[in-house]
Amino acid sequence: MEGLWSLLRSWLRPHLGISQRFLPLYIGFFQAMHNIRQRGDSLLSPLLSLLLTSAP
């Protein structure tokens, strides 16, 4: 967990002055990118199907 927290902090560092209102969005984006990187192609197909079947 400490390693993941360290990655998040270093990823957020260039974005100085993040509003607390948008922090969950930044963390959600980081989480999605981290999961895609960890699972690779096995996550691509379910992600695409979810994006294509979701109602706007």
N, C-alpha and C. Protein backbone atom coordinates (compact mmCIF):
# COMPACT_ATOMS: atom_id res chain seq x y z
N MET A 1 0.82 -1.19 0.00
CA MET A 1 0.00 0.00 0.00
C MET A 1 0.87 1.25 0.00
N GLU A 2 1.96 1.23 0.73
CA GLU A 2 2.82 2.41 0.78
C GLU A 2 3.42 2.71 -0.58
N GLY A 3 3.72 1.65 -1.35
CA GLY A 3 4.27 1.85 -2.69
C GLY A 3 3.26 2.52 -3.60
N LEU A 4 2.00 2.11 -3.51
CA LEU A 4 0.95 2.71 -4.33
C LEU A 4 0.73 4.16 -3.92
N TRP A 5 0.74 4.44 -2.64
CA TRP A 5 0.57 5.81 -2.15
C TRP A 5 1.72 6.69 -2.65
N SER A 6 2.93 6.15 -2.65
CA SER A 6 4.08 6.89 -3.14
C SER A 6 3.92 7.21 -4.63
N LEU A 7 3.43 6.24 -5.41
CA LEU A 7 3.20 6.49 -6.83
C LEU A 7 2.15 7.57 -7.04
N LEU A 8 1.08 7.52 -6.24
CA LEU A 8 0.02 8.53 -6.37
C LEU A 8 0.55 9.91 -6.03
N ARG A 9 1.30 10.02 -4.95
CA ARG A 9 1.85 11.33 -4.57
C ARG A 9 2.77 11.88 -5.64
N SER A 10 3.64 11.04 -6.20
CA SER A 10 4.55 11.52 -7.24
C SER A 10 3.78 11.87 -8.51
N TRP A 11 2.67 11.17 -8.80
CA TRP A 11 1.86 11.48 -9.97
C TRP A 11 1.11 12.79 -9.79
N LEU A 12 0.68 13.09 -8.56
CA LEU A 12 -0.07 14.32 -8.29
C LEU A 12 0.84 15.54 -8.12
N ARG A 13 2.11 15.34 -7.85
CA ARG A 13 3.02 16.43 -7.56
C ARG A 13 3.02 17.53 -8.64
N PRO A 14 3.05 17.21 -9.94
CA PRO A 14 3.04 18.28 -10.95
C PRO A 14 1.75 19.08 -10.99
N HIS A 15 0.66 18.52 -10.46
CA HIS A 15 -0.64 19.19 -10.47
C HIS A 15 -0.80 20.01 -9.19
N LEU A 16 -0.05 21.05 -9.05
CA LEU A 16 -0.09 21.85 -7.83
C LEU A 16 -1.43 22.56 -7.71
N GLY A 17 -1.95 22.62 -6.52
CA GLY A 17 -3.17 23.35 -6.25
C GLY A 17 -4.43 22.61 -6.67
N ILE A 18 -4.48 21.31 -6.50
CA ILE A 18 -5.67 20.55 -6.85
C ILE A 18 -6.79 20.86 -5.86
N SER A 19 -7.95 21.15 -6.40
CA SER A 19 -9.11 21.39 -5.56
C SER A 19 -9.57 20.08 -4.92
N GLN A 20 -9.97 20.14 -3.66
CA GLN A 20 -10.48 18.94 -2.99
C GLN A 20 -11.74 18.42 -3.67
N ARG A 21 -12.43 19.31 -4.34
CA ARG A 21 -13.64 18.91 -5.06
C ARG A 21 -13.32 17.93 -6.19
N PHE A 22 -12.17 18.11 -6.85
CA PHE A 22 -11.80 17.27 -7.98
C PHE A 22 -10.83 16.15 -7.61
N LEU A 23 -10.40 16.08 -6.37
CA LEU A 23 -9.45 15.06 -5.96
C LEU A 23 -9.96 13.64 -6.22
N PRO A 24 -11.23 13.32 -5.94
CA PRO A 24 -11.70 11.96 -6.26
C PRO A 24 -11.58 11.62 -7.75
N LEU A 25 -11.74 12.61 -8.62
CA LEU A 25 -11.59 12.35 -10.05
C LEU A 25 -10.14 12.04 -10.41
N TYR A 26 -9.21 12.80 -9.84
CA TYR A 26 -7.80 12.54 -10.08
C TYR A 26 -7.42 11.15 -9.57
N ILE A 27 -7.90 10.79 -8.40
CA ILE A 27 -7.57 9.49 -7.82
C ILE A 27 -8.21 8.37 -8.64
N GLY A 28 -9.43 8.57 -9.10
CA GLY A 28 -10.09 7.57 -9.94
C GLY A 28 -9.36 7.36 -11.25
N PHE A 29 -8.89 8.45 -11.86
CA PHE A 29 -8.13 8.33 -13.10
C PHE A 29 -6.82 7.60 -12.85
N PHE A 30 -6.14 7.94 -11.77
CA PHE A 30 -4.89 7.26 -11.43
C PHE A 30 -5.14 5.78 -11.20
N GLN A 31 -6.20 5.46 -10.50
CA GLN A 31 -6.52 4.06 -10.22
C GLN A 31 -6.78 3.29 -11.51
N ALA A 32 -7.53 3.89 -12.42
CA ALA A 32 -7.82 3.23 -13.70
C ALA A 32 -6.54 2.99 -14.49
N MET A 33 -5.68 4.00 -14.56
CA MET A 33 -4.43 3.84 -15.31
C MET A 33 -3.51 2.81 -14.65
N HIS A 34 -3.50 2.78 -13.33
CA HIS A 34 -2.68 1.81 -12.62
C HIS A 34 -3.18 0.39 -12.88
N ASN A 35 -4.50 0.20 -12.86
CA ASN A 35 -5.08 -1.12 -13.10
C ASN A 35 -4.82 -1.59 -14.53
N ILE A 36 -4.94 -0.68 -15.47
CA ILE A 36 -4.68 -1.04 -16.87
C ILE A 36 -3.22 -1.44 -17.03
N ARG A 37 -2.33 -0.72 -16.40
CA ARG A 37 -0.91 -1.04 -16.50
C ARG A 37 -0.60 -2.39 -15.85
N GLN A 38 -1.25 -2.68 -14.73
CA GLN A 38 -1.00 -3.93 -14.02
C GLN A 38 -1.58 -5.14 -14.75
N ARG A 39 -2.75 -4.99 -15.32
CA ARG A 39 -3.43 -6.15 -15.91
C ARG A 39 -3.25 -6.24 -17.42
N GLY A 40 -2.84 -5.15 -18.05
CA GLY A 40 -2.54 -5.17 -19.48
C GLY A 40 -3.74 -5.46 -20.35
N ASP A 41 -3.52 -6.31 -21.35
CA ASP A 41 -4.54 -6.57 -22.36
C ASP A 41 -5.75 -7.30 -21.81
N SER A 42 -5.61 -8.02 -20.72
CA SER A 42 -6.76 -8.75 -20.18
C SER A 42 -7.84 -7.79 -19.67
N LEU A 43 -7.50 -6.56 -19.42
CA LEU A 43 -8.47 -5.58 -18.95
C LEU A 43 -9.08 -4.78 -20.10
N LEU A 44 -8.42 -4.79 -21.26
CA LEU A 44 -8.86 -3.95 -22.37
C LEU A 44 -10.24 -4.34 -22.88
N SER A 45 -10.48 -5.61 -23.09
CA SER A 45 -11.77 -6.05 -23.63
C SER A 45 -12.94 -5.72 -22.71
N PRO A 46 -12.87 -6.03 -21.41
CA PRO A 46 -13.99 -5.65 -20.53
C PRO A 46 -14.18 -4.13 -20.43
N LEU A 47 -13.09 -3.39 -20.46
CA LEU A 47 -13.19 -1.94 -20.39
C LEU A 47 -13.90 -1.38 -21.62
N LEU A 48 -13.52 -1.86 -22.79
CA LEU A 48 -14.16 -1.40 -24.03
C LEU A 48 -15.63 -1.78 -24.05
N SER A 49 -15.96 -2.98 -23.63
CA SER A 49 -17.37 -3.38 -23.64
C SER A 49 -18.18 -2.53 -22.65
N LEU A 50 -17.59 -2.20 -21.52
CA LEU A 50 -18.28 -1.34 -20.56
C LEU A 50 -18.50 0.05 -21.12
N LEU A 51 -17.49 0.60 -21.77
CA LEU A 51 -17.62 1.94 -22.34
C LEU A 51 -18.61 1.98 -23.49
N LEU A 52 -18.66 0.93 -24.29
CA LEU A 52 -19.54 0.93 -25.44
C LEU A 52 -20.99 0.62 -25.09
N THR A 53 -21.24 -0.03 -23.97
CA THR A 53 -22.62 -0.37 -23.60
C THR A 53 -23.22 0.59 -22.59
N SER A 54 -22.43 1.47 -22.02
CA SER A 54 -22.95 2.41 -21.03
C SER A 54 -23.79 3.49 -21.70
N ALA A 55 -24.87 3.84 -21.06
CA ALA A 55 -25.73 4.93 -21.57
C ALA A 55 -25.08 6.25 -21.19
N PRO A 56 -25.15 7.24 -22.09
CA PRO A 56 -24.55 8.56 -21.79
C PRO A 56 -25.26 9.31 -20.69
